[in-house]
Amino acid sequence: MGKTVLITGASGGIGKELADRFAKDGHNMVLVARSEAKLVELAKGYRERYGVHVKVFAKDVTSPGVAEDIAAEA
């Protein structure tokens, strides 16, 4: 199945740049950001262009317990 990376803040800025690079290199990803619509759009593009598996979580990582929720669901 290959390597999987977790990227927070994936809907823009540095997080999106990291997601772009990892997707191009064929890594599967778990993407986290507050904007679900942006994450879904990005994930669809990565799947279509690079054939990688992408799971998205629309969550605010600064909220208590979110890291544990993501770990349990991923």
N, C-alpha and C. Protein backbone atom coordinates (compact mmCIF):
# COMPACT_ATOMS: atom_id res chain seq x y z
N MET A 1 0.82 -1.19 0.00
CA MET A 1 0.00 0.00 0.00
C MET A 1 0.87 1.25 0.00
N GLY A 2 2.13 1.16 0.32
CA GLY A 2 3.00 2.33 0.28
C GLY A 2 3.00 3.10 1.58
N LYS A 3 3.66 4.23 1.54
CA LYS A 3 3.75 5.09 2.72
C LYS A 3 2.55 6.01 2.79
N THR A 4 2.16 6.32 4.03
CA THR A 4 1.05 7.25 4.26
C THR A 4 1.56 8.38 5.14
N VAL A 5 1.21 9.60 4.77
CA VAL A 5 1.60 10.77 5.55
C VAL A 5 0.36 11.49 6.05
N LEU A 6 0.48 12.10 7.23
CA LEU A 6 -0.57 12.91 7.82
C LEU A 6 -0.16 14.36 7.66
N ILE A 7 -1.03 15.17 7.06
CA ILE A 7 -0.72 16.58 6.84
C ILE A 7 -1.86 17.42 7.42
N THR A 8 -1.49 18.30 8.35
CA THR A 8 -2.48 19.23 8.90
C THR A 8 -2.37 20.56 8.16
N GLY A 9 -3.46 21.30 8.17
CA GLY A 9 -3.47 22.57 7.43
C GLY A 9 -3.36 22.36 5.94
N ALA A 10 -3.90 21.23 5.47
CA ALA A 10 -3.70 20.80 4.08
C ALA A 10 -4.50 21.59 3.05
N SER A 11 -5.42 22.43 3.47
CA SER A 11 -6.26 23.13 2.49
C SER A 11 -5.59 24.37 1.91
N GLY A 12 -4.45 24.78 2.45
CA GLY A 12 -3.79 25.95 1.92
C GLY A 12 -2.38 26.12 2.46
N GLY A 13 -1.66 27.05 1.91
CA GLY A 13 -0.33 27.39 2.39
C GLY A 13 0.67 26.25 2.35
N ILE A 14 1.49 26.17 3.38
CA ILE A 14 2.54 25.15 3.45
C ILE A 14 1.94 23.75 3.46
N GLY A 15 0.82 23.56 4.17
CA GLY A 15 0.19 22.25 4.20
C GLY A 15 -0.21 21.76 2.82
N LYS A 16 -0.76 22.65 2.01
CA LYS A 16 -1.15 22.26 0.65
C LYS A 16 0.08 21.95 -0.19
N GLU A 17 1.13 22.76 -0.05
CA GLU A 17 2.37 22.50 -0.79
C GLU A 17 2.95 21.13 -0.43
N LEU A 18 2.92 20.80 0.84
CA LEU A 18 3.40 19.48 1.27
C LEU A 18 2.54 18.37 0.66
N ALA A 19 1.22 18.55 0.70
CA ALA A 19 0.32 17.56 0.13
C ALA A 19 0.58 17.38 -1.36
N ASP A 20 0.79 18.48 -2.07
CA ASP A 20 1.09 18.41 -3.51
C ASP A 20 2.34 17.57 -3.75
N ARG A 21 3.38 17.82 -3.00
CA ARG A 21 4.65 17.12 -3.20
C ARG A 21 4.55 15.64 -2.84
N PHE A 22 3.89 15.34 -1.72
CA PHE A 22 3.77 13.94 -1.32
C PHE A 22 2.90 13.17 -2.31
N ALA A 23 1.82 13.80 -2.80
CA ALA A 23 0.97 13.14 -3.79
C ALA A 23 1.75 12.83 -5.06
N LYS A 24 2.54 13.80 -5.53
CA LYS A 24 3.36 13.59 -6.73
C LYS A 24 4.34 12.44 -6.56
N ASP A 25 4.81 12.25 -5.33
CA ASP A 25 5.75 11.17 -5.04
C ASP A 25 5.05 9.84 -4.77
N GLY A 26 3.71 9.82 -4.88
CA GLY A 26 2.96 8.58 -4.75
C GLY A 26 2.61 8.16 -3.33
N HIS A 27 2.69 9.08 -2.38
CA HIS A 27 2.34 8.75 -1.00
C HIS A 27 0.83 8.84 -0.78
N ASN A 28 0.30 7.90 -0.04
CA ASN A 28 -1.08 7.99 0.42
C ASN A 28 -1.11 9.03 1.53
N MET A 29 -2.27 9.67 1.71
CA MET A 29 -2.31 10.78 2.67
C MET A 29 -3.56 10.79 3.52
N VAL A 30 -3.39 11.33 4.72
CA VAL A 30 -4.49 11.71 5.59
C VAL A 30 -4.39 13.22 5.69
N LEU A 31 -5.39 13.91 5.17
CA LEU A 31 -5.38 15.37 5.13
C LEU A 31 -6.34 15.93 6.17
N VAL A 32 -5.87 16.92 6.92
CA VAL A 32 -6.67 17.53 7.98
C VAL A 32 -6.67 19.04 7.80
N ALA A 33 -7.86 19.64 7.88
CA ALA A 33 -8.02 21.09 7.87
C ALA A 33 -9.45 21.39 8.28
N ARG A 34 -9.73 22.63 8.52
CA ARG A 34 -11.10 22.99 8.92
C ARG A 34 -12.07 23.03 7.75
N SER A 35 -11.59 23.29 6.56
CA SER A 35 -12.46 23.46 5.40
C SER A 35 -12.71 22.13 4.67
N GLU A 36 -13.85 21.53 4.93
CA GLU A 36 -14.17 20.24 4.33
C GLU A 36 -14.26 20.32 2.80
N ALA A 37 -14.89 21.38 2.29
CA ALA A 37 -15.06 21.50 0.84
C ALA A 37 -13.70 21.54 0.13
N LYS A 38 -12.76 22.30 0.66
CA LYS A 38 -11.43 22.37 0.05
C LYS A 38 -10.72 21.02 0.12
N LEU A 39 -10.83 20.34 1.26
CA LEU A 39 -10.18 19.04 1.41
C LEU A 39 -10.74 18.01 0.42
N VAL A 40 -12.05 17.99 0.30
CA VAL A 40 -12.69 17.04 -0.61
C VAL A 40 -12.24 17.30 -2.05
N GLU A 41 -12.18 18.57 -2.44
CA GLU A 41 -11.74 18.93 -3.79
C GLU A 41 -10.27 18.53 -4.02
N LEU A 42 -9.42 18.82 -3.05
CA LEU A 42 -8.01 18.45 -3.18
C LEU A 42 -7.84 16.93 -3.27
N ALA A 43 -8.53 16.22 -2.39
CA ALA A 43 -8.42 14.76 -2.36
C ALA A 43 -8.84 14.16 -3.69
N LYS A 44 -9.92 14.66 -4.26
CA LYS A 44 -10.39 14.16 -5.55
C LYS A 44 -9.31 14.36 -6.62
N GLY A 45 -8.72 15.54 -6.64
CA GLY A 45 -7.67 15.83 -7.61
C GLY A 45 -6.46 14.92 -7.44
N TYR A 46 -6.03 14.70 -6.20
CA TYR A 46 -4.87 13.82 -5.96
C TYR A 46 -5.17 12.39 -6.38
N ARG A 47 -6.37 11.93 -6.10
CA ARG A 47 -6.74 10.57 -6.49
C ARG A 47 -6.71 10.42 -8.02
N GLU A 48 -7.30 11.40 -8.70
CA GLU A 48 -7.39 11.33 -10.17
C GLU A 48 -6.02 11.48 -10.84
N ARG A 49 -5.23 12.43 -10.39
CA ARG A 49 -3.93 12.70 -11.04
C ARG A 49 -2.86 11.70 -10.69
N TYR A 50 -2.81 11.28 -9.40
CA TYR A 50 -1.68 10.48 -8.95
C TYR A 50 -2.04 9.08 -8.50
N GLY A 51 -3.33 8.77 -8.42
CA GLY A 51 -3.76 7.44 -8.02
C GLY A 51 -3.45 7.09 -6.57
N VAL A 52 -3.35 8.09 -5.71
CA VAL A 52 -3.06 7.84 -4.30
C VAL A 52 -4.35 7.74 -3.51
N HIS A 53 -4.27 7.09 -2.36
CA HIS A 53 -5.41 7.01 -1.45
C HIS A 53 -5.36 8.22 -0.53
N VAL A 54 -6.51 8.88 -0.37
CA VAL A 54 -6.56 10.08 0.47
C VAL A 54 -7.78 10.00 1.38
N LYS A 55 -7.54 10.18 2.67
CA LYS A 55 -8.63 10.25 3.65
C LYS A 55 -8.63 11.68 4.18
N VAL A 56 -9.81 12.28 4.32
CA VAL A 56 -9.88 13.67 4.78
C VAL A 56 -10.62 13.76 6.11
N PHE A 57 -10.17 14.72 6.92
CA PHE A 57 -10.82 15.02 8.19
C PHE A 57 -10.98 16.53 8.29
N ALA A 58 -12.22 16.99 8.33
CA ALA A 58 -12.50 18.41 8.49
C ALA A 58 -12.60 18.68 9.99
N LYS A 59 -11.45 19.00 10.58
CA LYS A 59 -11.38 19.22 12.02
C LYS A 59 -10.39 20.33 12.33
N ASP A 60 -10.58 20.94 13.47
CA ASP A 60 -9.66 21.94 13.98
C ASP A 60 -8.72 21.25 14.96
N VAL A 61 -7.47 21.10 14.58
CA VAL A 61 -6.53 20.34 15.40
C VAL A 61 -6.20 21.02 16.72
N THR A 62 -6.61 22.28 16.90
CA THR A 62 -6.36 22.95 18.17
C THR A 62 -7.42 22.62 19.22
N SER A 63 -8.48 21.94 18.80
CA SER A 63 -9.54 21.57 19.74
C SER A 63 -9.12 20.35 20.55
N PRO A 64 -9.47 20.33 21.84
CA PRO A 64 -9.11 19.19 22.69
C PRO A 64 -9.68 17.88 22.15
N GLY A 65 -8.85 16.84 22.17
CA GLY A 65 -9.29 15.51 21.78
C GLY A 65 -9.28 15.22 20.29
N VAL A 66 -9.04 16.22 19.47
CA VAL A 66 -9.10 16.01 18.01
C VAL A 66 -7.99 15.06 17.53
N ALA A 67 -6.81 15.20 18.06
CA ALA A 67 -5.71 14.32 17.64
C ALA A 67 -6.07 12.86 17.92
N GLU A 68 -6.65 12.61 19.06
CA GLU A 68 -7.06 11.25 19.41
C GLU A 68 -8.17 10.75 18.48
N ASP A 69 -9.11 11.63 18.14
CA ASP A 69 -10.19 11.27 17.21
C ASP A 69 -9.64 10.88 15.84
N ILE A 70 -8.71 11.68 15.34
CA ILE A 70 -8.12 11.41 14.03
C ILE A 70 -7.36 10.09 14.06
N ALA A 71 -6.57 9.86 15.12
CA ALA A 71 -5.80 8.62 15.23
C ALA A 71 -6.73 7.41 15.27
N ALA A 72 -7.83 7.52 15.98
CA ALA A 72 -8.77 6.39 16.08
C ALA A 72 -9.47 6.13 14.75
N GLU A 73 -9.82 7.18 14.01
CA GLU A 73 -10.54 7.03 12.75
C GLU A 73 -9.64 6.68 11.57
N ALA A 74 -8.37 7.12 11.65
CA ALA A 74 -7.46 6.87 10.53
C ALA A 74 -6.98 5.44 10.57
